Protein backbone atom coordinates (compact mmCIF):
# COMPACT_ATOMS: atom_id res chain seq x y z
CA MET A 1 69.69 -79.45 87.70
CA VAL A 2 72.36 -81.57 86.07
CA ASP A 3 69.77 -83.67 84.24
CA LYS A 4 68.06 -80.58 82.85
CA ALA A 5 71.38 -79.06 81.78
CA GLU A 6 72.49 -82.27 80.06
CA GLU A 7 69.13 -82.64 78.30
CA TYR A 8 69.53 -79.12 76.94
CA LEU A 9 73.06 -79.79 75.67
CA LEU A 10 71.82 -82.96 73.96
CA LYS A 11 69.13 -80.94 72.19
CA LEU A 12 71.85 -78.60 70.91
CA GLY A 13 73.70 -81.56 69.39
CA PHE A 14 76.45 -82.14 71.93
CA ILE A 15 77.42 -85.78 72.54
CA GLY A 16 79.80 -87.48 74.95
CA PHE A 17 79.80 -84.81 77.66
CA ARG A 18 79.00 -84.28 81.32
CA VAL A 19 77.76 -81.37 83.40
CA ARG A 20 79.35 -81.42 86.84
CA HIS A 21 77.63 -79.72 89.79
CA HIS A 22 79.86 -77.74 92.17
CA GLY A 23 77.51 -75.81 94.44
CA ASP A 24 76.23 -72.96 92.31
CA ILE A 25 78.70 -73.70 89.48
CA ALA A 26 78.03 -75.87 86.43
CA ARG A 27 81.27 -77.24 84.97
CA ILE A 28 80.76 -78.53 81.44
CA GLU A 29 83.08 -81.25 80.17
CA LEU A 30 82.85 -81.73 76.40
CA ASN A 31 84.56 -84.01 73.94
CA GLN A 32 87.65 -82.15 72.75
CA SER A 33 86.19 -82.18 69.22
CA GLN A 34 83.17 -80.17 70.39
CA ILE A 35 84.83 -77.44 72.43
CA ASN A 36 84.92 -75.14 69.38
CA MET A 37 81.18 -75.65 68.96
CA MET A 38 80.64 -74.27 72.47
CA LEU A 39 82.81 -71.26 71.69
CA ASP A 40 80.37 -70.11 69.01
CA GLU A 41 78.98 -66.89 70.53
CA SER A 42 75.33 -67.69 69.91
CA ILE A 43 75.55 -71.22 71.33
CA ARG A 44 77.63 -70.10 74.31
CA LYS A 45 75.19 -67.32 75.23
CA ASN A 46 72.21 -69.67 74.93
CA VAL A 47 73.89 -72.31 77.10
CA VAL A 48 74.81 -69.78 79.79
CA SER A 49 71.31 -68.33 79.77
CA LYS A 50 69.61 -71.74 79.99
CA LEU A 51 71.87 -73.08 82.75
CA LYS A 52 71.32 -69.94 84.81
CA GLU A 53 67.58 -70.32 84.25
CA ILE A 54 67.91 -73.90 85.56
CA GLY A 55 69.49 -72.55 88.74
CA PHE A 56 73.26 -72.36 88.32
CA LYS A 57 74.85 -69.02 89.19
CA TYR A 58 78.03 -69.64 87.18
CA VAL A 59 78.71 -71.72 84.07
CA SER A 60 82.22 -72.87 83.19
CA LEU A 61 83.79 -74.91 80.40
CA ASP A 62 86.44 -77.42 81.48
CA LEU A 63 89.29 -77.01 79.00
CA GLU A 64 90.54 -80.54 79.72
CA GLY A 65 87.35 -81.84 78.15
CA TYR A 66 85.27 -84.87 79.06
CA ARG A 67 86.97 -87.62 80.99
CA THR A 68 85.45 -90.36 83.09
CA GLY A 69 86.24 -90.21 86.78
CA SER A 70 87.09 -86.51 86.83
CA MET A 71 85.11 -86.04 90.03
CA ASN A 72 87.39 -88.62 91.67
CA GLU A 73 90.38 -86.32 90.97
CA ALA A 74 89.02 -83.77 93.45
CA VAL A 75 88.43 -86.46 96.08
CA ALA A 76 91.98 -87.76 95.65
CA GLU A 77 93.37 -84.23 96.13
CA LEU A 78 91.40 -83.81 99.35
CA ILE A 79 92.70 -87.11 100.69
CA ASN A 80 96.29 -86.15 99.84
CA ASP A 81 95.85 -82.74 101.49
CA VAL A 82 94.67 -84.40 104.71
CA ARG A 83 97.68 -86.69 104.79
């Protein structure tokens, strides 16, 4: 699902991004410079439609943008919560 979603975003012209899979949620991390592009109504509606077609129930945009290792942040929080 992630591969298909990322291929679609590439076709739309997005670069330097990731789609993160959280159960039935797709969390899109974009370069800060491309967040406004995603906010264009036509692009946003097409992305939501396509990602739901791929199988995601919800589609979200991470306002912190793309950053490597962001999935590790959640793991670190879980470890700290256990301690």
